[in-house]
């Protein structure tokens, strides 16, 4: 499984929960809290950075955080933090994430934090999946 270090211990493969399949470069996961919960309040900033806050225990899980990635290019504007609300009005959501890794040259070593693209999706209780982040890190 390939994902950044900051999310280690908080993701499970998502290929049975969403209509996307992992391949050699794209890896899909569902965020899962250490208390085994799957429902979160989600915050997103204009950088964009994404934080999932467990509804059950309050644990804060970083899903996407541009400064953690070697190729990450941050916006210079002030980061406004917003609570994510599903278009159907719900604010307790399941969270899914896709991390993309580029092809390595022969002389390169794999770096788990060197993602090239990230997508974050949320899903409500009626299982409507909505993309909230679609960001290339470079």
N, C-alpha and C. Protein backbone atom coordinates (compact mmCIF):
# COMPACT_ATOMS: atom_id res chain seq x y z
N UNK A 1 0.85 -1.18 0.00
CA UNK A 1 0.00 0.00 0.00
C UNK A 1 0.90 1.24 0.00
N UNK A 2 0.51 2.21 -0.80
CA UNK A 2 1.30 3.44 -0.90
C UNK A 2 0.43 4.62 -0.47
N UNK A 3 0.95 5.34 0.53
CA UNK A 3 0.29 6.54 1.02
C UNK A 3 1.31 7.33 1.83
N UNK A 4 1.09 8.64 2.02
CA UNK A 4 2.04 9.46 2.79
C UNK A 4 2.12 9.02 4.25
N UNK A 5 3.25 9.30 4.86
CA UNK A 5 3.48 8.90 6.26
C UNK A 5 2.45 9.46 7.23
N UNK A 6 1.97 10.69 7.01
CA UNK A 6 1.05 11.30 7.97
C UNK A 6 -0.29 10.59 8.09
N UNK A 7 -0.63 9.74 7.13
CA UNK A 7 -1.93 9.05 7.17
C UNK A 7 -1.78 7.58 7.56
N UNK A 8 -0.55 7.16 7.84
CA UNK A 8 -0.31 5.76 8.21
C UNK A 8 -1.12 5.38 9.45
N UNK A 9 -1.79 4.25 9.36
CA UNK A 9 -2.63 3.78 10.45
C UNK A 9 -4.06 4.31 10.40
N UNK A 10 -4.34 5.16 9.40
CA UNK A 10 -5.68 5.76 9.30
C UNK A 10 -6.35 5.52 7.96
N UNK A 11 -5.84 4.59 7.17
CA UNK A 11 -6.49 4.29 5.89
C UNK A 11 -6.59 2.79 5.68
N UNK A 12 -7.64 2.41 4.95
CA UNK A 12 -7.84 1.03 4.52
C UNK A 12 -8.16 1.08 3.02
N UNK A 13 -7.80 0.03 2.27
CA UNK A 13 -8.12 0.03 0.84
C UNK A 13 -9.61 0.27 0.61
N UNK A 14 -9.94 1.03 -0.42
CA UNK A 14 -11.34 1.44 -0.62
C UNK A 14 -11.98 0.88 -1.87
N UNK A 15 -11.35 -0.07 -2.50
CA UNK A 15 -11.85 -0.52 -3.79
C UNK A 15 -13.21 -1.19 -3.74
N UNK A 16 -13.65 -1.62 -2.58
CA UNK A 16 -14.99 -2.20 -2.46
C UNK A 16 -16.03 -1.18 -2.03
N UNK A 17 -15.60 0.03 -1.66
CA UNK A 17 -16.51 1.05 -1.17
C UNK A 17 -16.81 2.15 -2.19
N UNK A 18 -15.91 2.35 -3.16
CA UNK A 18 -16.10 3.42 -4.15
C UNK A 18 -15.87 2.87 -5.55
N UNK A 19 -16.33 3.57 -6.57
CA UNK A 19 -16.23 3.04 -7.94
C UNK A 19 -14.89 3.30 -8.62
N UNK A 20 -13.82 3.36 -7.88
CA UNK A 20 -12.49 3.60 -8.45
C UNK A 20 -11.57 2.45 -8.05
N UNK A 21 -10.65 2.12 -8.92
CA UNK A 21 -9.72 1.03 -8.67
C UNK A 21 -8.29 1.56 -8.65
N UNK A 22 -7.50 1.06 -7.72
CA UNK A 22 -6.08 1.41 -7.68
C UNK A 22 -5.37 0.77 -8.87
N UNK A 23 -4.27 1.42 -9.28
CA UNK A 23 -3.42 0.86 -10.32
C UNK A 23 -1.98 1.11 -9.92
N UNK A 24 -1.05 1.06 -10.85
CA UNK A 24 0.36 1.21 -10.51
C UNK A 24 0.72 2.59 -9.98
N UNK A 25 -0.09 3.60 -10.25
CA UNK A 25 0.23 4.97 -9.86
C UNK A 25 -0.80 5.63 -8.96
N UNK A 26 -2.03 5.13 -8.95
CA UNK A 26 -3.14 5.72 -8.20
C UNK A 26 -3.62 4.74 -7.14
N UNK A 27 -3.72 5.23 -5.90
CA UNK A 27 -4.07 4.36 -4.79
C UNK A 27 -5.24 4.97 -4.03
N UNK A 28 -6.34 4.22 -3.90
CA UNK A 28 -7.58 4.70 -3.28
C UNK A 28 -7.76 4.08 -1.90
N UNK A 29 -8.10 4.94 -0.94
CA UNK A 29 -8.27 4.51 0.45
C UNK A 29 -9.50 5.15 1.07
N UNK A 30 -9.99 4.50 2.12
CA UNK A 30 -11.00 5.10 2.99
C UNK A 30 -10.31 5.45 4.30
N UNK A 31 -10.64 6.62 4.82
CA UNK A 31 -10.08 7.05 6.10
C UNK A 31 -10.83 6.32 7.22
N UNK A 32 -10.04 5.78 8.15
CA UNK A 32 -10.61 5.05 9.29
C UNK A 32 -9.87 5.50 10.54
N UNK A 33 -10.58 5.90 11.55
CA UNK A 33 -9.97 6.35 12.79
C UNK A 33 -9.38 5.18 13.57
N UNK A 34 -8.47 5.48 14.46
CA UNK A 34 -7.88 4.44 15.31
C UNK A 34 -8.91 3.82 16.26
N UNK A 35 -10.05 4.49 16.45
CA UNK A 35 -11.14 3.93 17.27
C UNK A 35 -12.09 3.08 16.42
N UNK A 36 -11.70 2.82 15.16
CA UNK A 36 -12.46 2.02 14.19
C UNK A 36 -13.68 2.72 13.60
N UNK A 37 -13.82 4.01 13.80
CA UNK A 37 -14.94 4.76 13.24
C UNK A 37 -14.63 5.21 11.81
N UNK A 38 -15.68 5.37 11.01
CA UNK A 38 -15.55 5.81 9.62
C UNK A 38 -16.26 7.14 9.34
N UNK A 39 -16.86 7.76 10.36
CA UNK A 39 -17.64 8.99 10.14
C UNK A 39 -16.89 10.18 10.72
N UNK A 40 -16.79 11.24 9.92
CA UNK A 40 -15.97 12.40 10.27
C UNK A 40 -16.66 13.71 9.95
N UNK A 41 -16.25 14.73 10.68
CA UNK A 41 -16.48 16.11 10.29
C UNK A 41 -15.23 16.48 9.50
N UNK A 42 -15.37 17.19 8.41
CA UNK A 42 -14.24 17.47 7.53
C UNK A 42 -14.02 18.97 7.45
N UNK A 43 -12.75 19.36 7.57
CA UNK A 43 -12.36 20.76 7.39
C UNK A 43 -11.42 20.82 6.20
N UNK A 44 -11.57 21.87 5.40
CA UNK A 44 -10.71 22.09 4.25
C UNK A 44 -10.26 23.54 4.27
N UNK A 45 -9.00 23.75 3.94
CA UNK A 45 -8.50 25.12 3.86
C UNK A 45 -8.25 25.47 2.40
N UNK A 46 -8.03 26.73 2.15
CA UNK A 46 -7.83 27.19 0.79
C UNK A 46 -6.45 26.85 0.25
N UNK A 47 -5.59 26.19 1.00
CA UNK A 47 -4.23 25.84 0.54
C UNK A 47 -4.22 24.85 -0.62
N UNK A 48 -4.95 23.79 -0.81
CA UNK A 48 -5.92 23.19 0.11
C UNK A 48 -5.27 22.15 1.03
N UNK A 49 -5.71 22.12 2.25
CA UNK A 49 -5.35 21.08 3.20
C UNK A 49 -6.66 20.50 3.71
N UNK A 50 -6.66 19.21 4.04
CA UNK A 50 -7.89 18.54 4.47
C UNK A 50 -7.64 17.82 5.79
N UNK A 51 -8.56 18.04 6.73
CA UNK A 51 -8.49 17.43 8.05
C UNK A 51 -9.82 16.71 8.30
N UNK A 52 -9.75 15.45 8.76
CA UNK A 52 -10.94 14.69 9.13
C UNK A 52 -10.96 14.57 10.65
N UNK A 53 -12.07 14.94 11.27
CA UNK A 53 -12.21 14.91 12.72
C UNK A 53 -13.24 13.84 13.07
N UNK A 54 -12.80 12.82 13.78
CA UNK A 54 -13.65 11.67 14.09
C UNK A 54 -14.86 12.09 14.90
N UNK A 55 -16.02 11.66 14.44
CA UNK A 55 -17.26 11.95 15.15
C UNK A 55 -17.30 11.23 16.50
N UNK A 56 -16.70 10.06 16.59
CA UNK A 56 -16.77 9.26 17.82
C UNK A 56 -15.82 9.72 18.91
N UNK A 57 -14.54 9.94 18.54
CA UNK A 57 -13.54 10.22 19.58
C UNK A 57 -12.87 11.60 19.47
N UNK A 58 -13.12 12.31 18.36
CA UNK A 58 -12.53 13.64 18.20
C UNK A 58 -11.12 13.66 17.64
N UNK A 59 -10.56 12.49 17.31
CA UNK A 59 -9.21 12.42 16.73
C UNK A 59 -9.16 13.24 15.45
N UNK A 60 -8.07 14.01 15.28
CA UNK A 60 -7.87 14.84 14.09
C UNK A 60 -6.87 14.13 13.17
N UNK A 61 -7.31 13.82 11.96
CA UNK A 61 -6.48 13.07 11.01
C UNK A 61 -6.22 13.94 9.79
N UNK A 62 -4.95 14.15 9.50
CA UNK A 62 -4.57 14.91 8.31
C UNK A 62 -4.70 14.00 7.10
N UNK A 63 -5.56 14.39 6.16
CA UNK A 63 -5.78 13.62 4.95
C UNK A 63 -4.89 14.15 3.82
N UNK A 64 -4.79 15.46 3.73
CA UNK A 64 -3.97 16.11 2.70
C UNK A 64 -3.37 17.36 3.31
N UNK A 65 -2.05 17.47 3.19
CA UNK A 65 -1.35 18.62 3.79
C UNK A 65 -0.16 18.97 2.91
N UNK A 66 -0.34 19.93 2.04
CA UNK A 66 0.62 20.26 0.99
C UNK A 66 2.05 20.48 1.48
N UNK A 67 2.32 21.05 2.67
CA UNK A 67 3.71 21.21 3.09
C UNK A 67 4.46 19.89 3.35
N UNK A 68 3.75 18.79 3.50
CA UNK A 68 4.38 17.49 3.74
C UNK A 68 4.95 16.83 2.50
N UNK A 69 4.67 17.38 1.31
CA UNK A 69 5.05 16.72 0.08
C UNK A 69 6.20 17.46 -0.59
N UNK A 70 7.28 16.75 -0.94
CA UNK A 70 8.45 17.41 -1.53
C UNK A 70 8.12 18.27 -2.76
N UNK A 71 7.17 17.85 -3.56
CA UNK A 71 6.81 18.61 -4.76
C UNK A 71 5.72 19.64 -4.48
N UNK A 72 5.27 19.75 -3.24
CA UNK A 72 4.14 20.61 -2.89
C UNK A 72 4.40 22.08 -3.12
N UNK A 73 3.47 22.72 -3.80
CA UNK A 73 3.53 24.16 -4.03
C UNK A 73 2.36 24.78 -3.29
N UNK A 74 2.68 25.62 -2.31
CA UNK A 74 1.64 26.23 -1.49
C UNK A 74 1.18 27.56 -2.06
N UNK A 75 -0.07 27.82 -1.85
CA UNK A 75 -0.64 29.13 -2.18
C UNK A 75 -0.10 30.16 -1.19
N UNK A 76 0.12 31.35 -1.66
CA UNK A 76 0.61 32.42 -0.79
C UNK A 76 -0.52 33.16 -0.07
N UNK A 77 -1.76 32.88 -0.47
CA UNK A 77 -2.88 33.58 0.16
C UNK A 77 -3.15 33.04 1.56
N UNK A 78 -3.80 33.84 2.37
CA UNK A 78 -4.17 33.43 3.72
C UNK A 78 -5.11 32.23 3.62
N UNK A 79 -4.87 31.26 4.46
CA UNK A 79 -5.65 30.03 4.42
C UNK A 79 -6.91 30.15 5.26
N UNK A 80 -8.04 30.11 4.60
CA UNK A 80 -9.32 30.12 5.28
C UNK A 80 -9.76 28.68 5.50
N UNK A 81 -10.18 28.34 6.71
CA UNK A 81 -10.61 26.98 7.04
C UNK A 81 -12.13 26.93 7.02
N UNK A 82 -12.66 25.98 6.27
CA UNK A 82 -14.11 25.83 6.13
C UNK A 82 -14.52 24.41 6.52
N UNK A 83 -15.69 24.29 7.12
CA UNK A 83 -16.28 22.99 7.39
C UNK A 83 -16.91 22.49 6.09
N UNK A 84 -16.67 21.25 5.76
CA UNK A 84 -17.26 20.67 4.55
C UNK A 84 -18.67 20.19 4.86
N UNK A 85 -19.57 20.59 4.01
CA UNK A 85 -20.94 20.10 4.11
C UNK A 85 -21.29 19.44 2.78
N UNK A 86 -21.83 18.25 2.84
CA UNK A 86 -22.23 17.53 1.65
C UNK A 86 -23.33 18.32 0.94
N UNK A 87 -23.39 18.28 -0.38
CA UNK A 87 -24.45 19.01 -1.10
C UNK A 87 -25.86 18.65 -0.65
N UNK A 88 -26.03 17.48 -0.06
CA UNK A 88 -27.36 17.09 0.43
C UNK A 88 -27.58 17.54 1.87
N UNK A 89 -26.67 18.39 2.40
CA UNK A 89 -26.87 19.02 3.69
C UNK A 89 -26.26 18.34 4.89
N UNK A 90 -25.56 17.26 4.70
CA UNK A 90 -25.01 16.53 5.84
C UNK A 90 -23.57 16.95 6.12
N UNK A 91 -23.18 16.96 7.39
CA UNK A 91 -21.81 17.33 7.73
C UNK A 91 -21.05 16.23 8.47
N UNK A 92 -21.63 15.05 8.60
CA UNK A 92 -20.92 13.89 9.13
C UNK A 92 -20.77 12.94 7.94
N UNK A 93 -19.50 12.68 7.57
CA UNK A 93 -19.23 12.07 6.28
C UNK A 93 -18.17 10.98 6.36
N UNK A 94 -18.22 10.06 5.42
CA UNK A 94 -17.12 9.14 5.20
C UNK A 94 -16.13 9.86 4.29
N UNK A 95 -14.84 9.55 4.43
CA UNK A 95 -13.81 10.24 3.67
C UNK A 95 -12.98 9.22 2.89
N UNK A 96 -12.76 9.52 1.62
CA UNK A 96 -11.95 8.68 0.75
C UNK A 96 -10.87 9.55 0.12
N UNK A 97 -9.73 8.93 -0.17
CA UNK A 97 -8.62 9.71 -0.73
C UNK A 97 -7.88 8.88 -1.77
N UNK A 98 -7.41 9.58 -2.80
CA UNK A 98 -6.56 8.97 -3.82
C UNK A 98 -5.23 9.70 -3.79
N UNK A 99 -4.15 8.95 -3.68
CA UNK A 99 -2.80 9.51 -3.79
C UNK A 99 -2.18 8.97 -5.07
N UNK A 100 -1.61 9.87 -5.86
CA UNK A 100 -0.92 9.45 -7.08
C UNK A 100 0.59 9.61 -6.88
N UNK A 101 1.32 8.63 -7.37
CA UNK A 101 2.78 8.67 -7.36
C UNK A 101 3.26 8.58 -8.80
N UNK A 102 4.23 9.40 -9.15
CA UNK A 102 4.80 9.37 -10.49
C UNK A 102 5.72 8.19 -10.68
N UNK A 103 6.05 7.93 -11.91
CA UNK A 103 6.98 6.86 -12.25
C UNK A 103 8.39 7.27 -11.82
N UNK A 104 9.12 6.35 -11.23
CA UNK A 104 10.48 6.63 -10.76
C UNK A 104 11.50 6.38 -11.86
N UNK A 105 12.53 7.23 -11.88
CA UNK A 105 13.68 6.98 -12.74
C UNK A 105 14.50 5.86 -12.10
N UNK A 106 15.39 5.25 -12.86
CA UNK A 106 16.20 4.14 -12.35
C UNK A 106 17.03 4.51 -11.14
N UNK A 107 17.46 5.77 -11.03
CA UNK A 107 18.32 6.19 -9.93
C UNK A 107 17.55 6.76 -8.73
N UNK A 108 16.22 6.73 -8.78
CA UNK A 108 15.40 7.28 -7.71
C UNK A 108 14.93 6.20 -6.74
N UNK A 109 14.83 6.59 -5.47
CA UNK A 109 14.23 5.73 -4.46
C UNK A 109 12.81 6.21 -4.19
N UNK A 110 11.92 5.28 -3.87
CA UNK A 110 10.54 5.63 -3.58
C UNK A 110 10.46 6.43 -2.28
N UNK A 111 9.73 7.52 -2.31
CA UNK A 111 9.48 8.38 -1.14
C UNK A 111 7.97 8.43 -0.95
N UNK A 112 7.48 7.89 0.16
CA UNK A 112 6.03 7.83 0.41
C UNK A 112 5.38 9.20 0.41
N UNK A 113 6.12 10.24 0.75
CA UNK A 113 5.56 11.58 0.79
C UNK A 113 5.62 12.30 -0.54
N UNK A 114 6.24 11.71 -1.53
CA UNK A 114 6.42 12.39 -2.82
C UNK A 114 5.24 12.11 -3.75
N UNK A 115 4.06 12.52 -3.33
CA UNK A 115 2.88 12.33 -4.16
C UNK A 115 2.85 13.43 -5.22
N UNK A 116 2.20 13.12 -6.34
CA UNK A 116 2.11 14.11 -7.41
C UNK A 116 0.68 14.65 -7.59
N UNK A 117 -0.29 13.97 -6.97
CA UNK A 117 -1.68 14.38 -7.14
C UNK A 117 -2.49 13.77 -6.01
N UNK A 118 -3.52 14.48 -5.58
CA UNK A 118 -4.41 13.97 -4.54
C UNK A 118 -5.84 14.35 -4.87
N UNK A 119 -6.74 13.42 -4.65
CA UNK A 119 -8.18 13.68 -4.72
C UNK A 119 -8.78 13.24 -3.40
N UNK A 120 -9.70 14.04 -2.87
CA UNK A 120 -10.40 13.69 -1.65
C UNK A 120 -11.89 13.71 -1.95
N UNK A 121 -12.57 12.67 -1.50
CA UNK A 121 -14.00 12.51 -1.71
C UNK A 121 -14.69 12.38 -0.36
N UNK A 122 -15.94 12.82 -0.29
CA UNK A 122 -16.76 12.58 0.89
C UNK A 122 -18.03 11.86 0.45
N UNK A 123 -18.60 11.11 1.38
CA UNK A 123 -19.80 10.34 1.10
C UNK A 123 -20.74 10.46 2.28
N UNK A 124 -22.01 10.68 1.98
CA UNK A 124 -23.00 10.79 3.05
C UNK A 124 -23.65 9.43 3.30
N UNK A 125 -24.63 9.41 4.18
CA UNK A 125 -25.28 8.14 4.54
C UNK A 125 -26.03 7.51 3.37
N UNK A 126 -26.48 8.31 2.41
CA UNK A 126 -27.15 7.73 1.24
C UNK A 126 -26.14 7.30 0.18
N UNK A 127 -24.84 7.36 0.53
CA UNK A 127 -23.73 6.89 -0.29
C UNK A 127 -23.49 7.69 -1.55
N UNK A 128 -23.88 8.97 -1.54
CA UNK A 128 -23.56 9.86 -2.65
C UNK A 128 -22.14 10.36 -2.47
N UNK A 129 -21.28 10.05 -3.45
CA UNK A 129 -19.86 10.39 -3.39
C UNK A 129 -19.62 11.72 -4.10
N UNK A 130 -18.91 12.63 -3.41
CA UNK A 130 -18.64 13.96 -3.96
C UNK A 130 -17.15 14.27 -3.80
N UNK A 131 -16.52 14.73 -4.90
CA UNK A 131 -15.11 15.11 -4.84
C UNK A 131 -15.00 16.52 -4.28
N UNK A 132 -14.16 16.68 -3.21
CA UNK A 132 -13.97 18.00 -2.60
C UNK A 132 -12.58 18.57 -2.86
N UNK A 133 -11.62 17.72 -3.24
CA UNK A 133 -10.27 18.19 -3.57
C UNK A 133 -9.79 17.43 -4.79
N UNK A 134 -9.18 18.16 -5.72
CA UNK A 134 -8.56 17.58 -6.90
C UNK A 134 -7.33 18.44 -7.15
N UNK A 135 -6.19 18.07 -6.53
CA UNK A 135 -5.05 18.96 -6.49
C UNK A 135 -3.76 18.26 -6.90
N UNK A 136 -3.07 18.83 -7.88
CA UNK A 136 -1.73 18.38 -8.23
C UNK A 136 -0.78 19.07 -7.29
N UNK A 137 0.16 18.33 -6.72
CA UNK A 137 1.04 18.93 -5.72
C UNK A 137 2.09 19.84 -6.34
N UNK A 138 2.49 19.59 -7.57
CA UNK A 138 3.55 20.40 -8.18
C UNK A 138 2.97 21.52 -9.01
